[in-house]
């Protein structure tokens, strides 16, 4: 099966900080844009930052416990290769990104072992970037 790119639109408080974070820090090439939104190439997927400061200000969020961490809900992200994950983790550390959950290995020695990290964009959107040593284990439950 060939996966098709997904599309995700999300609110931001301003496009300047969105461009700095998604373009400069995350390394996502910019696509089309207008005065109210901007497309980014998020590892082959289309994400769109929509300038909506009123929605960002209301931003209801929560968390759920996962492997002794409070995982922010809602969140989104990409399953990277382990090499891409390590490179991104280093780039985020160099950019002095404040992590919600520091880069680490979750479920170590278990079926779902994975590298993961959580952080927020400048508008507070929670992002999880993760990697598996073996992509065949992404949906494994035994």
N, C-alpha and C. Protein backbone atom coordinates (compact mmCIF):
# COMPACT_ATOMS: atom_id res chain seq x y z
N UNK A 1 0.84 -1.18 0.00
CA UNK A 1 0.00 0.00 0.00
C UNK A 1 0.89 1.25 0.00
N UNK A 2 0.57 2.17 -0.87
CA UNK A 2 1.27 3.45 -0.91
C UNK A 2 0.47 4.46 -0.12
N UNK A 3 1.09 5.06 0.88
CA UNK A 3 0.39 6.07 1.67
C UNK A 3 0.30 7.37 0.90
N UNK A 4 -0.83 8.02 1.01
CA UNK A 4 -1.04 9.33 0.42
C UNK A 4 -0.74 10.39 1.49
N UNK A 5 -0.30 11.55 1.07
CA UNK A 5 -0.03 12.61 2.04
C UNK A 5 -1.31 13.03 2.78
N UNK A 6 -1.19 13.29 4.07
CA UNK A 6 -2.33 13.81 4.81
C UNK A 6 -2.29 15.33 4.79
N UNK A 7 -3.41 15.93 5.14
CA UNK A 7 -3.55 17.39 5.23
C UNK A 7 -4.05 17.70 6.63
N UNK A 8 -3.41 18.65 7.28
CA UNK A 8 -3.84 19.08 8.60
C UNK A 8 -3.76 20.60 8.66
N UNK A 9 -4.86 21.24 9.03
CA UNK A 9 -4.90 22.68 9.23
C UNK A 9 -5.02 22.94 10.73
N UNK A 10 -4.27 23.92 11.24
CA UNK A 10 -4.28 24.19 12.67
C UNK A 10 -4.14 25.69 12.90
N UNK A 11 -4.62 26.19 14.05
CA UNK A 11 -4.58 27.62 14.33
C UNK A 11 -3.23 28.06 14.89
N UNK A 12 -2.81 29.27 14.51
CA UNK A 12 -1.63 29.91 15.09
C UNK A 12 -1.98 31.35 15.44
N UNK A 13 -1.20 31.92 16.37
CA UNK A 13 -1.49 33.30 16.76
C UNK A 13 -0.92 34.31 15.78
N UNK A 14 0.17 33.96 15.08
CA UNK A 14 0.67 34.84 14.02
C UNK A 14 1.54 34.04 13.05
N UNK A 15 1.56 34.49 11.81
CA UNK A 15 2.26 33.75 10.76
C UNK A 15 3.78 33.96 10.79
N UNK A 16 4.24 35.08 11.33
CA UNK A 16 5.69 35.31 11.40
C UNK A 16 6.34 34.26 12.28
N UNK A 17 5.81 34.06 13.49
CA UNK A 17 6.41 33.04 14.37
C UNK A 17 6.17 31.64 13.83
N UNK A 18 5.05 31.42 13.14
CA UNK A 18 4.80 30.11 12.52
C UNK A 18 5.85 29.83 11.45
N UNK A 19 6.14 30.82 10.63
CA UNK A 19 7.17 30.65 9.59
C UNK A 19 8.55 30.38 10.20
N UNK A 20 8.87 31.13 11.26
CA UNK A 20 10.16 30.94 11.91
C UNK A 20 10.28 29.53 12.49
N UNK A 21 9.23 29.07 13.16
CA UNK A 21 9.28 27.76 13.80
C UNK A 21 9.21 26.62 12.77
N UNK A 22 8.14 26.60 11.98
CA UNK A 22 7.94 25.49 11.03
C UNK A 22 8.96 25.51 9.90
N UNK A 23 9.32 26.69 9.43
CA UNK A 23 10.29 26.79 8.34
C UNK A 23 11.73 26.68 8.81
N UNK A 24 12.13 27.56 9.73
CA UNK A 24 13.53 27.62 10.15
C UNK A 24 13.92 26.51 11.14
N UNK A 25 13.15 26.34 12.20
CA UNK A 25 13.52 25.37 13.22
C UNK A 25 13.22 23.94 12.76
N UNK A 26 12.00 23.69 12.29
CA UNK A 26 11.61 22.34 11.88
C UNK A 26 12.13 21.97 10.50
N UNK A 27 12.52 22.96 9.70
CA UNK A 27 13.06 22.67 8.37
C UNK A 27 12.03 22.29 7.33
N UNK A 28 10.79 22.73 7.52
CA UNK A 28 9.71 22.41 6.57
C UNK A 28 9.66 23.47 5.47
N UNK A 29 9.84 23.07 4.21
CA UNK A 29 9.74 24.05 3.12
C UNK A 29 8.34 24.67 3.06
N UNK A 30 8.32 25.95 2.75
CA UNK A 30 7.04 26.66 2.64
C UNK A 30 6.44 26.46 1.26
N UNK A 31 5.13 26.29 1.24
CA UNK A 31 4.39 26.17 -0.02
C UNK A 31 3.64 27.45 -0.30
N UNK A 32 2.39 27.31 -0.71
CA UNK A 32 1.56 28.48 -0.99
C UNK A 32 1.19 29.19 0.29
N UNK A 33 0.78 30.46 0.15
CA UNK A 33 0.37 31.21 1.33
C UNK A 33 -0.52 32.38 0.93
N UNK A 34 -1.17 32.94 1.92
CA UNK A 34 -1.93 34.17 1.77
C UNK A 34 -1.65 35.01 3.00
N UNK A 35 -2.38 36.09 3.19
CA UNK A 35 -2.16 36.91 4.38
C UNK A 35 -2.69 36.23 5.64
N UNK A 36 -3.50 35.16 5.48
CA UNK A 36 -4.11 34.50 6.63
C UNK A 36 -3.64 33.07 6.88
N UNK A 37 -2.89 32.48 5.95
CA UNK A 37 -2.46 31.09 6.12
C UNK A 37 -1.19 30.82 5.34
N UNK A 38 -0.49 29.74 5.71
CA UNK A 38 0.71 29.33 4.99
C UNK A 38 0.81 27.80 5.02
N UNK A 39 1.11 27.21 3.85
CA UNK A 39 1.32 25.77 3.71
C UNK A 39 2.78 25.43 4.03
N UNK A 40 2.99 24.26 4.66
CA UNK A 40 4.33 23.74 4.86
C UNK A 40 4.37 22.28 4.43
N UNK A 41 5.52 21.88 3.90
CA UNK A 41 5.77 20.48 3.54
C UNK A 41 6.35 19.80 4.78
N UNK A 42 5.51 19.04 5.48
CA UNK A 42 5.86 18.38 6.73
C UNK A 42 6.20 16.92 6.43
N UNK A 43 7.45 16.72 5.96
CA UNK A 43 7.92 15.38 5.60
C UNK A 43 7.01 14.74 4.55
N UNK A 44 6.64 15.53 3.55
CA UNK A 44 5.81 15.03 2.46
C UNK A 44 4.32 15.18 2.69
N UNK A 45 3.93 15.74 3.81
CA UNK A 45 2.51 15.94 4.13
C UNK A 45 2.23 17.43 4.16
N UNK A 46 0.99 17.81 3.90
CA UNK A 46 0.62 19.22 3.85
C UNK A 46 0.01 19.65 5.17
N UNK A 47 0.71 20.54 5.87
CA UNK A 47 0.14 21.17 7.05
C UNK A 47 -0.04 22.65 6.74
N UNK A 48 -1.10 23.22 7.30
CA UNK A 48 -1.42 24.61 7.01
C UNK A 48 -1.65 25.37 8.31
N UNK A 49 -0.82 26.37 8.54
CA UNK A 49 -0.97 27.24 9.70
C UNK A 49 -1.93 28.37 9.34
N UNK A 50 -3.06 28.43 10.04
CA UNK A 50 -4.07 29.47 9.82
C UNK A 50 -3.99 30.47 10.95
N UNK A 51 -3.82 31.74 10.60
CA UNK A 51 -3.75 32.80 11.61
C UNK A 51 -5.13 32.99 12.22
N UNK A 52 -5.28 32.57 13.48
CA UNK A 52 -6.55 32.65 14.19
C UNK A 52 -6.27 32.89 15.67
N UNK A 53 -5.80 34.09 16.04
CA UNK A 53 -5.40 34.34 17.43
C UNK A 53 -6.51 34.11 18.44
N UNK A 54 -7.76 34.34 18.06
CA UNK A 54 -8.88 34.11 18.99
C UNK A 54 -9.04 32.65 19.34
N UNK A 55 -8.84 31.78 18.37
CA UNK A 55 -8.95 30.34 18.61
C UNK A 55 -7.78 29.87 19.47
N UNK A 56 -6.58 30.38 19.17
CA UNK A 56 -5.40 29.99 19.95
C UNK A 56 -5.58 30.40 21.40
N UNK A 57 -6.12 31.59 21.64
CA UNK A 57 -6.30 32.08 23.00
C UNK A 57 -7.25 31.19 23.81
N UNK A 58 -8.26 30.61 23.15
CA UNK A 58 -9.22 29.74 23.84
C UNK A 58 -8.64 28.36 24.10
N UNK A 59 -7.71 27.91 23.25
CA UNK A 59 -7.07 26.60 23.23
C UNK A 59 -7.25 25.65 24.40
N UNK A 60 -8.30 24.88 24.41
CA UNK A 60 -8.50 23.86 25.44
C UNK A 60 -7.56 22.69 25.18
N UNK A 61 -6.83 22.30 26.21
CA UNK A 61 -5.91 21.17 26.09
C UNK A 61 -6.01 20.32 27.35
N UNK A 62 -5.43 19.15 27.29
CA UNK A 62 -5.39 18.25 28.43
C UNK A 62 -4.19 17.35 28.30
N UNK A 63 -4.17 16.28 29.09
CA UNK A 63 -3.09 15.31 28.97
C UNK A 63 -3.58 13.95 29.44
N UNK A 64 -2.89 12.91 29.00
CA UNK A 64 -3.13 11.54 29.42
C UNK A 64 -1.80 10.93 29.84
N UNK A 65 -1.81 10.09 30.88
CA UNK A 65 -0.56 9.45 31.30
C UNK A 65 -0.17 8.33 30.33
N UNK A 66 1.08 8.38 29.86
CA UNK A 66 1.63 7.35 28.99
C UNK A 66 3.07 7.11 29.43
N UNK A 67 3.37 5.89 29.86
CA UNK A 67 4.74 5.52 30.23
C UNK A 67 5.37 6.54 31.19
N UNK A 68 4.64 6.88 32.24
CA UNK A 68 5.11 7.80 33.30
C UNK A 68 5.31 9.25 32.85
N UNK A 69 4.67 9.66 31.75
CA UNK A 69 4.71 11.05 31.30
C UNK A 69 3.28 11.53 31.05
N UNK A 70 3.04 12.82 31.25
CA UNK A 70 1.75 13.41 30.91
C UNK A 70 1.82 13.87 29.46
N UNK A 71 1.22 13.10 28.56
CA UNK A 71 1.25 13.38 27.13
C UNK A 71 0.18 14.41 26.80
N UNK A 72 0.57 15.53 26.16
CA UNK A 72 -0.41 16.57 25.83
C UNK A 72 -1.41 16.09 24.77
N UNK A 73 -2.68 16.42 25.00
CA UNK A 73 -3.76 16.10 24.09
C UNK A 73 -4.50 17.38 23.80
N UNK A 74 -4.77 17.71 22.54
CA UNK A 74 -4.40 16.99 21.32
C UNK A 74 -2.93 17.22 20.94
N UNK A 75 -2.42 16.36 20.06
CA UNK A 75 -1.10 16.55 19.47
C UNK A 75 -1.06 15.86 18.11
N UNK A 76 -0.04 16.21 17.32
CA UNK A 76 0.17 15.55 16.03
C UNK A 76 1.65 15.47 15.78
N UNK A 77 2.04 14.67 14.79
CA UNK A 77 3.45 14.53 14.46
C UNK A 77 3.66 13.53 13.35
N UNK A 78 4.89 13.11 13.19
CA UNK A 78 5.29 12.19 12.13
C UNK A 78 6.14 11.08 12.74
N UNK A 79 6.02 9.89 12.18
CA UNK A 79 6.94 8.80 12.52
C UNK A 79 8.11 8.90 11.54
N UNK A 80 9.25 9.31 12.06
CA UNK A 80 10.46 9.50 11.25
C UNK A 80 11.31 8.24 11.25
N UNK A 81 12.34 8.22 10.42
CA UNK A 81 13.37 7.20 10.57
C UNK A 81 14.15 7.56 11.84
N UNK A 82 14.85 6.61 12.40
CA UNK A 82 15.62 6.88 13.62
C UNK A 82 16.69 7.95 13.35
N UNK A 83 17.30 7.90 12.18
CA UNK A 83 18.32 8.91 11.85
C UNK A 83 17.69 10.29 11.76
N UNK A 84 16.53 10.42 11.10
CA UNK A 84 15.85 11.71 11.00
C UNK A 84 15.46 12.21 12.39
N UNK A 85 14.99 11.29 13.25
CA UNK A 85 14.57 11.67 14.60
C UNK A 85 15.75 12.23 15.39
N UNK A 86 16.89 11.56 15.32
CA UNK A 86 18.09 12.02 16.04
C UNK A 86 18.54 13.38 15.52
N UNK A 87 18.51 13.57 14.19
CA UNK A 87 18.90 14.86 13.61
C UNK A 87 17.96 15.97 14.05
N UNK A 88 16.65 15.69 14.04
CA UNK A 88 15.69 16.70 14.46
C UNK A 88 15.84 17.01 15.95
N UNK A 89 16.01 15.98 16.77
CA UNK A 89 16.20 16.21 18.21
C UNK A 89 17.39 17.14 18.45
N UNK A 90 18.48 16.90 17.75
CA UNK A 90 19.67 17.75 17.90
C UNK A 90 19.38 19.18 17.43
N UNK A 91 18.68 19.32 16.29
CA UNK A 91 18.33 20.66 15.79
C UNK A 91 17.45 21.41 16.78
N UNK A 92 16.50 20.71 17.39
CA UNK A 92 15.61 21.35 18.37
C UNK A 92 16.37 21.74 19.63
N UNK A 93 17.29 20.91 20.07
CA UNK A 93 18.13 21.24 21.23
C UNK A 93 18.97 22.48 20.91
N UNK A 94 19.59 22.50 19.72
CA UNK A 94 20.41 23.66 19.32
C UNK A 94 19.58 24.94 19.24
N UNK A 95 18.29 24.81 18.88
CA UNK A 95 17.39 25.97 18.79
C UNK A 95 16.81 26.35 20.16
N UNK A 96 17.26 25.63 21.20
CA UNK A 96 16.81 25.86 22.57
C UNK A 96 15.30 25.72 22.71
N UNK A 97 14.77 24.72 22.03
CA UNK A 97 13.34 24.41 22.11
C UNK A 97 13.01 23.92 23.51
N UNK A 98 11.91 24.39 24.05
CA UNK A 98 11.44 23.92 25.35
C UNK A 98 10.61 22.66 25.12
N UNK A 99 11.08 21.54 25.64
CA UNK A 99 10.38 20.27 25.46
C UNK A 99 9.32 20.08 26.53
N UNK A 100 8.16 19.57 26.12
CA UNK A 100 7.14 19.13 27.07
C UNK A 100 7.60 17.79 27.64
N UNK A 101 8.09 16.92 26.77
CA UNK A 101 8.71 15.65 27.16
C UNK A 101 10.01 15.55 26.37
N UNK A 102 11.12 15.50 27.07
CA UNK A 102 12.46 15.46 26.45
C UNK A 102 12.61 14.25 25.53
N UNK A 103 13.46 14.35 24.52
CA UNK A 103 13.73 13.19 23.65
C UNK A 103 14.21 11.99 24.49
N UNK A 104 13.56 10.86 24.28
CA UNK A 104 13.92 9.65 25.02
C UNK A 104 13.34 8.42 24.33
N UNK A 105 13.69 7.25 24.85
CA UNK A 105 13.14 5.99 24.36
C UNK A 105 12.01 5.58 25.30
N UNK A 106 10.82 5.39 24.73
CA UNK A 106 9.62 5.01 25.48
C UNK A 106 9.39 3.51 25.29
N UNK A 107 8.83 2.87 26.32
CA UNK A 107 8.51 1.43 26.28
C UNK A 107 9.75 0.59 25.98
N UNK A 108 10.88 1.01 26.54
CA UNK A 108 12.14 0.32 26.25
C UNK A 108 12.05 -1.17 26.56
N UNK A 109 12.49 -1.98 25.58
CA UNK A 109 12.48 -3.43 25.73
C UNK A 109 11.12 -4.07 25.52
N UNK A 110 10.10 -3.26 25.19
CA UNK A 110 8.76 -3.77 24.97
C UNK A 110 8.41 -3.74 23.49
N UNK A 111 7.25 -4.31 23.14
CA UNK A 111 6.80 -4.36 21.75
C UNK A 111 6.76 -2.98 21.11
N UNK A 112 6.26 -1.99 21.82
CA UNK A 112 6.10 -0.65 21.25
C UNK A 112 7.28 0.28 21.45
N UNK A 113 8.49 -0.26 21.68
CA UNK A 113 9.65 0.60 21.92
C UNK A 113 9.80 1.62 20.81
N UNK A 114 10.00 2.88 21.22
CA UNK A 114 10.09 3.97 20.25
C UNK A 114 10.84 5.15 20.83
N UNK A 115 11.46 5.91 19.95
CA UNK A 115 12.04 7.19 20.33
C UNK A 115 10.94 8.23 20.20
N UNK A 116 10.83 9.12 21.18
CA UNK A 116 9.76 10.11 21.14
C UNK A 116 10.22 11.41 21.78
N UNK A 117 9.57 12.48 21.41
CA UNK A 117 9.77 13.79 22.04
C UNK A 117 8.52 14.62 21.78
N UNK A 118 8.19 15.47 22.74
CA UNK A 118 7.04 16.36 22.62
C UNK A 118 7.49 17.79 22.86
N UNK A 119 6.95 18.70 22.08
CA UNK A 119 7.22 20.13 22.23
C UNK A 119 6.04 20.88 21.65
N UNK A 120 6.03 22.17 21.80
CA UNK A 120 4.93 23.00 21.28
C UNK A 120 5.48 24.02 20.29
N UNK A 121 4.65 24.36 19.31
CA UNK A 121 5.02 25.44 18.41
C UNK A 121 4.74 26.76 19.13
N UNK A 122 5.10 27.91 18.55
CA UNK A 122 4.91 29.18 19.26
C UNK A 122 3.45 29.50 19.60
N UNK A 123 2.49 28.82 18.96
CA UNK A 123 1.08 29.04 19.27
C UNK A 123 0.53 28.03 20.26
N UNK A 124 1.39 27.15 20.76
CA UNK A 124 0.98 26.19 21.77
C UNK A 124 0.50 24.85 21.24
N UNK A 125 0.54 24.63 19.91
CA UNK A 125 0.14 23.35 19.36
C UNK A 125 1.16 22.29 19.75
N UNK A 126 0.69 21.18 20.34
CA UNK A 126 1.59 20.12 20.80
C UNK A 126 1.97 19.22 19.62
N UNK A 127 3.26 18.89 19.55
CA UNK A 127 3.80 18.07 18.46
C UNK A 127 4.57 16.91 19.07
N UNK A 128 4.34 15.72 18.55
CA UNK A 128 5.13 14.56 18.93
C UNK A 128 5.86 14.06 17.69
N UNK A 129 7.15 13.94 17.80
CA UNK A 129 7.94 13.34 16.73
C UNK A 129 8.50 12.04 17.30
N UNK A 130 8.33 10.96 16.53
CA UNK A 130 8.75 9.65 17.04
C UNK A 130 9.43 8.85 15.97
N UNK A 131 10.07 7.75 16.38
CA UNK A 131 10.74 6.84 15.45
C UNK A 131 10.78 5.46 16.08
N UNK A 132 10.74 4.46 15.23
CA UNK A 132 10.89 3.07 15.64
C UNK A 132 12.15 2.53 14.99
N UNK A 133 12.87 1.68 15.69
CA UNK A 133 14.05 1.04 15.09
C UNK A 133 13.61 0.18 13.91
N UNK A 134 12.39 -0.37 13.98
CA UNK A 134 11.84 -1.24 12.93
C UNK A 134 10.41 -0.77 12.65
N UNK A 135 10.20 -0.13 11.49
CA UNK A 135 8.87 0.40 11.15
C UNK A 135 7.79 -0.69 11.12
N UNK A 136 8.18 -1.94 10.94
CA UNK A 136 7.19 -3.03 10.95
C UNK A 136 6.55 -3.19 12.33
N UNK A 137 7.14 -2.56 13.35
CA UNK A 137 6.63 -2.67 14.72
C UNK A 137 5.70 -1.51 15.09
N UNK A 138 5.42 -0.59 14.16
CA UNK A 138 4.60 0.58 14.49
C UNK A 138 3.25 0.19 15.06
N UNK A 139 2.59 -0.80 14.47
CA UNK A 139 1.25 -1.21 14.92
C UNK A 139 1.27 -2.53 15.67
N UNK A 140 2.44 -3.04 16.00
CA UNK A 140 2.56 -4.34 16.68
C UNK A 140 1.96 -4.27 18.08
N UNK A 141 1.29 -5.36 18.48
CA UNK A 141 0.74 -5.42 19.83
C UNK A 141 1.18 -6.68 20.56
N UNK A 142 2.06 -7.43 19.99
CA UNK A 142 2.60 -8.64 20.65
C UNK A 142 4.09 -8.70 20.47
